[in-house]
């Protein structure tokens, strides 16, 4: 689990003393402030899984390797469609065809054939169905298919971000109030606020494993959505 450390900042400007011993004008009084930083974090359960998979076929000719990879890719798409994955959630990342060589000490490099690969990024919106989808594409692609990774994440973190923002503001105000009480001053209005988000695309825990029944299980874990702010309050 990631631990976020924030640095408390307090800055209280002093009134400038004029030559005759009088305090600064009321305009300078607005420069007096308490500034703090705070981070609000919300833990959410991922609702979507990103699946990365690659089909690869080796053949004696370029066109045969590409045709074989295309046939495996078609089977993969069919399996995805049968499990509720719409075409807009299927994206080809790479398509390559290149010669493959064997290296030996006595003969050096010899052409072994041509390898064609096509990699895919698949968005599984129903995270609870991710294990079933993985099993389906592996069965369809056979030995020509490799699972490159599964990543649970939150598809739309708008709500979680708003909750993190509320938490950050509450923490910042609590700090500023505490400093004001310790220093014997009163907080005025907020004069400055700056926000920075801390996206966490990867969950705290994730895994792909076989259940007792032999089906693949995707553990979704949790994901942090964080908002960090710096805020200043004038001293009334």
Protein backbone atom coordinates (compact mmCIF):
# COMPACT_ATOMS: atom_id res chain seq x y z
CA UNK A 1 0.00 0.00 0.00
CA UNK A 2 1.37 3.38 -0.93
CA UNK A 3 1.82 5.87 1.90
CA UNK A 4 1.56 9.52 0.91
CA UNK A 5 3.48 12.01 2.99
CA UNK A 6 2.55 15.67 2.89
CA UNK A 7 4.61 18.56 4.09
CA UNK A 8 2.90 21.08 6.34
CA UNK A 9 3.66 24.64 5.38
CA UNK A 10 2.94 27.63 7.56
CA UNK A 11 3.81 31.11 6.58
CA UNK A 12 2.83 34.15 8.58
CA UNK A 13 4.12 37.44 7.21
CA UNK A 14 5.16 40.12 9.64
CA UNK A 15 3.91 43.70 9.51
CA UNK A 16 6.60 46.07 8.33
CA UNK A 17 7.59 48.64 10.92
CA UNK A 18 7.80 52.14 9.50
CA UNK A 19 10.61 54.56 10.32
CA UNK A 20 8.58 56.37 12.99
CA UNK A 21 7.72 53.10 14.77
CA UNK A 22 4.17 52.84 13.39
CA UNK A 23 2.83 49.56 11.92
CA UNK A 24 2.30 49.05 8.20
CA UNK A 25 -0.75 50.30 6.37
CA UNK A 26 -3.95 48.27 6.15
CA UNK A 27 -3.01 47.25 2.56
CA UNK A 28 -0.06 45.30 3.89
CA UNK A 29 -2.24 43.62 6.47
CA UNK A 30 -3.72 41.52 3.71
CA UNK A 31 -0.31 39.87 3.31
CA UNK A 32 -0.74 38.15 6.65
CA UNK A 33 -1.90 34.58 6.12
CA UNK A 34 -1.71 30.98 7.22
CA UNK A 35 -0.88 28.56 4.40
CA UNK A 36 -1.18 24.79 4.62
CA UNK A 37 -1.06 21.78 2.31
CA UNK A 38 -3.28 18.71 2.57
CA UNK A 39 -4.14 15.55 0.67
CA UNK A 40 -7.52 13.88 0.49
CA UNK A 41 -7.68 10.22 -0.50
CA UNK A 42 -10.55 7.90 -1.30
CA UNK A 43 -10.19 4.14 -1.73
CA UNK A 44 -12.39 2.68 -4.44
CA UNK A 45 -12.96 -0.78 -5.86
CA UNK A 46 -12.11 -0.99 -9.59
CA UNK A 47 -15.10 -1.61 -11.85
CA UNK A 48 -13.21 -2.26 -15.10
CA UNK A 49 -10.34 -4.48 -16.23
CA UNK A 50 -7.88 -3.75 -19.03
CA UNK A 51 -6.72 -6.93 -20.77
CA UNK A 52 -3.59 -6.93 -22.94
CA UNK A 53 -3.13 -9.96 -25.20
CA UNK A 54 -0.98 -10.88 -28.20
CA UNK A 55 -1.35 -13.50 -30.93
CA UNK A 56 1.85 -14.75 -32.59
CA UNK A 57 2.38 -17.24 -35.42
CA UNK A 58 5.62 -18.43 -37.06
CA UNK A 59 5.53 -19.72 -40.66
CA UNK A 60 7.89 -20.28 -43.57
CA UNK A 61 6.64 -17.29 -45.54
CA UNK A 62 5.67 -13.76 -44.63
CA UNK A 63 2.13 -14.03 -45.94
CA UNK A 64 1.55 -17.38 -44.25
CA UNK A 65 2.65 -16.01 -40.87
CA UNK A 66 0.37 -12.99 -41.27
CA UNK A 67 -2.54 -15.15 -42.37
CA UNK A 68 -2.08 -17.41 -39.35
CA UNK A 69 -1.94 -14.47 -36.92
CA UNK A 70 -5.02 -12.95 -38.56
CA UNK A 71 -6.93 -16.22 -38.15
CA UNK A 72 -6.02 -16.37 -34.45
CA UNK A 73 -6.98 -12.71 -34.04
CA UNK A 74 -10.38 -13.41 -35.60
CA UNK A 75 -10.96 -16.22 -33.10
CA UNK A 76 -10.01 -13.85 -30.27
CA UNK A 77 -12.51 -11.21 -31.47
CA UNK A 78 -15.24 -13.84 -31.78
CA UNK A 79 -14.62 -15.04 -28.22
CA UNK A 80 -14.69 -11.47 -26.93
CA UNK A 81 -17.96 -10.73 -28.70
CA UNK A 82 -19.53 -13.91 -27.34
CA UNK A 83 -18.70 -12.65 -23.85
CA UNK A 84 -20.26 -9.24 -24.22
CA UNK A 85 -17.24 -7.16 -25.32
CA UNK A 86 -18.35 -4.63 -27.93
CA UNK A 87 -15.98 -3.69 -30.82
CA UNK A 88 -15.35 -0.17 -29.48
CA UNK A 89 -13.66 -1.75 -26.44
CA UNK A 90 -11.21 -3.74 -28.61
CA UNK A 91 -8.13 -1.92 -29.91
CA UNK A 92 -5.16 -3.21 -31.91
CA UNK A 93 -1.95 -1.82 -30.46
CA UNK A 94 0.64 -3.37 -32.79
CA UNK A 95 0.83 -5.50 -35.92
CA UNK A 96 4.27 -6.80 -36.94
CA UNK A 97 5.78 -9.33 -39.35
CA UNK A 98 9.53 -9.96 -39.26
CA UNK A 99 12.06 -12.68 -40.05
CA UNK A 100 13.14 -14.91 -37.19
CA UNK A 101 16.62 -16.45 -37.04
CA UNK A 102 18.27 -19.32 -35.22
CA UNK A 103 21.82 -18.80 -34.00
CA UNK A 104 24.35 -21.61 -33.65
CA UNK A 105 28.10 -21.53 -33.07
CA UNK A 106 28.95 -23.52 -36.20
CA UNK A 107 26.46 -22.10 -38.70
CA UNK A 108 25.86 -18.64 -37.32
CA UNK A 109 22.41 -17.22 -38.09
CA UNK A 110 19.97 -19.13 -40.25
CA UNK A 111 16.45 -18.11 -41.21
CA UNK A 112 13.92 -20.04 -39.13
CA UNK A 113 10.82 -18.44 -40.63
CA UNK A 114 8.69 -15.36 -40.21
CA UNK A 115 6.90 -14.30 -37.06
CA UNK A 116 3.66 -12.31 -37.25
CA UNK A 117 2.18 -10.75 -34.13
CA UNK A 118 -0.84 -8.63 -33.35
CA UNK A 119 -1.40 -7.20 -29.88
CA UNK A 120 -4.71 -6.05 -28.43
CA UNK A 121 -5.97 -3.89 -25.62
CA UNK A 122 -9.41 -4.97 -24.42
CA UNK A 123 -11.62 -3.05 -21.98
CA UNK A 124 -13.79 -5.32 -19.85
CA UNK A 125 -16.43 -3.04 -18.32
CA UNK A 126 -17.94 -5.83 -16.23
CA UNK A 127 -14.96 -6.41 -13.93
CA UNK A 128 -16.59 -9.41 -12.25
CA UNK A 129 -16.65 -11.18 -15.64
CA UNK A 130 -12.95 -10.60 -16.39
CA UNK A 131 -11.80 -14.11 -15.44
CA UNK A 132 -14.39 -15.66 -17.76
CA UNK A 133 -13.26 -13.41 -20.62
CA UNK A 134 -9.63 -14.37 -20.08
CA UNK A 135 -10.46 -18.08 -20.14
CA UNK A 136 -12.51 -17.60 -23.32
CA UNK A 137 -9.77 -15.84 -25.28
CA UNK A 138 -7.12 -18.34 -24.15
CA UNK A 139 -9.32 -21.22 -25.30
CA UNK A 140 -9.97 -19.47 -28.62
CA UNK A 141 -6.39 -18.42 -29.31
CA UNK A 142 -4.73 -21.61 -28.10
CA UNK A 143 -0.94 -21.74 -28.05
CA UNK A 144 -0.68 -18.77 -30.41
CA UNK A 145 -2.07 -16.41 -27.77
CA UNK A 146 -0.25 -14.82 -24.85
CA UNK A 147 -1.82 -12.82 -22.00
CA UNK A 148 0.45 -9.81 -21.48
CA UNK A 149 -1.37 -8.43 -18.47
CA UNK A 150 -4.62 -7.60 -16.69
CA UNK A 151 -5.10 -4.26 -14.94
CA UNK A 152 -8.17 -3.46 -12.83
CA UNK A 153 -9.01 0.25 -12.68
CA UNK A 154 -11.86 2.71 -12.14
CA UNK A 155 -13.47 3.59 -15.47
CA UNK A 156 -14.93 6.91 -14.30
CA UNK A 157 -13.41 8.35 -11.12
CA UNK A 158 -15.38 11.63 -11.19
CA UNK A 159 -17.35 10.79 -8.04
CA UNK A 160 -14.29 9.51 -6.20
CA UNK A 161 -12.32 12.62 -7.17
CA UNK A 162 -15.04 14.88 -5.76
CA UNK A 163 -15.02 12.95 -2.47
CA UNK A 164 -11.22 13.22 -2.32
CA UNK A 165 -11.50 16.96 -2.94
CA UNK A 166 -13.96 17.34 -0.05
CA UNK A 167 -11.59 15.37 2.18
CA UNK A 168 -8.60 17.51 1.15
CA UNK A 169 -10.40 20.79 1.90
CA UNK A 170 -11.60 19.50 5.27
CA UNK A 171 -8.07 18.44 6.21
CA UNK A 172 -6.61 21.76 5.09
CA UNK A 173 -9.17 23.76 7.06
CA UNK A 174 -8.58 21.65 10.17
CA UNK A 175 -4.84 22.31 9.95
CA UNK A 176 -5.29 26.04 9.41
CA UNK A 177 -7.74 26.25 12.32
CA UNK A 178 -5.29 24.41 14.56
CA UNK A 179 -2.45 26.79 13.65
CA UNK A 180 -4.67 29.82 14.21
CA UNK A 181 -5.62 28.57 17.66
CA UNK A 182 -1.99 27.88 18.57
CA UNK A 183 -0.91 31.33 17.38
CA UNK A 184 -3.80 33.20 18.97
CA UNK A 185 -5.22 34.59 15.72
CA UNK A 186 -8.47 34.21 13.82
CA UNK A 187 -8.88 32.88 10.31
CA UNK A 188 -10.37 35.14 7.66
CA UNK A 189 -11.29 34.27 4.09
CA UNK A 190 -9.50 31.89 1.77
CA UNK A 191 -7.20 33.96 -0.46
CA UNK A 192 -5.49 31.22 -2.44
CA UNK A 193 -6.06 27.57 -3.38
CA UNK A 194 -4.16 25.36 -5.79
CA UNK A 195 -5.02 21.73 -6.55
CA UNK A 196 -2.95 18.87 -7.91
CA UNK A 197 -4.35 15.42 -8.56
CA UNK A 198 -2.49 12.18 -7.89
CA UNK A 199 -3.96 9.58 -10.25
CA UNK A 200 -3.28 5.97 -9.41
CA UNK A 201 -4.09 3.88 -12.48
CA UNK A 202 -2.96 0.69 -10.86
CA UNK A 203 -4.77 -0.82 -7.89
CA UNK A 204 -3.08 -1.53 -4.58
CA UNK A 205 -3.56 -5.25 -5.11
CA UNK A 206 -4.26 -7.17 -8.27
CA UNK A 207 -3.71 -10.73 -9.39
CA UNK A 208 -4.75 -13.35 -11.87
CA UNK A 209 -5.12 -16.85 -10.49
CA UNK A 210 -7.09 -20.03 -10.92
CA UNK A 211 -9.94 -20.70 -8.54
CA UNK A 212 -10.66 -24.10 -7.05
CA UNK A 213 -13.05 -24.78 -9.91
CA UNK A 214 -10.27 -24.19 -12.47
CA UNK A 215 -11.65 -20.89 -13.75
CA UNK A 216 -9.44 -17.81 -13.83
CA UNK A 217 -10.16 -15.28 -11.08
CA UNK A 218 -9.17 -11.62 -11.30
CA UNK A 219 -8.67 -10.03 -7.87
CA UNK A 220 -9.68 -6.38 -8.17
CA UNK A 221 -8.18 -5.05 -4.94
CA UNK A 222 -8.46 -1.31 -4.24
CA UNK A 223 -7.33 1.89 -5.90
CA UNK A 224 -6.43 5.24 -4.37
CA UNK A 225 -7.86 8.44 -5.84
CA UNK A 226 -6.07 11.43 -4.30
CA UNK A 227 -6.30 15.20 -4.50
CA UNK A 228 -3.63 17.47 -3.01
CA UNK A 229 -4.19 21.18 -2.34
CA UNK A 230 -2.32 24.20 -1.02
CA UNK A 231 -4.56 26.83 0.57
CA UNK A 232 -4.11 30.15 2.35
CA UNK A 233 -6.37 31.89 4.83
CA UNK A 234 -6.02 35.56 5.67
CA UNK A 235 -5.63 36.38 9.33
CA UNK A 236 -8.60 38.43 10.56
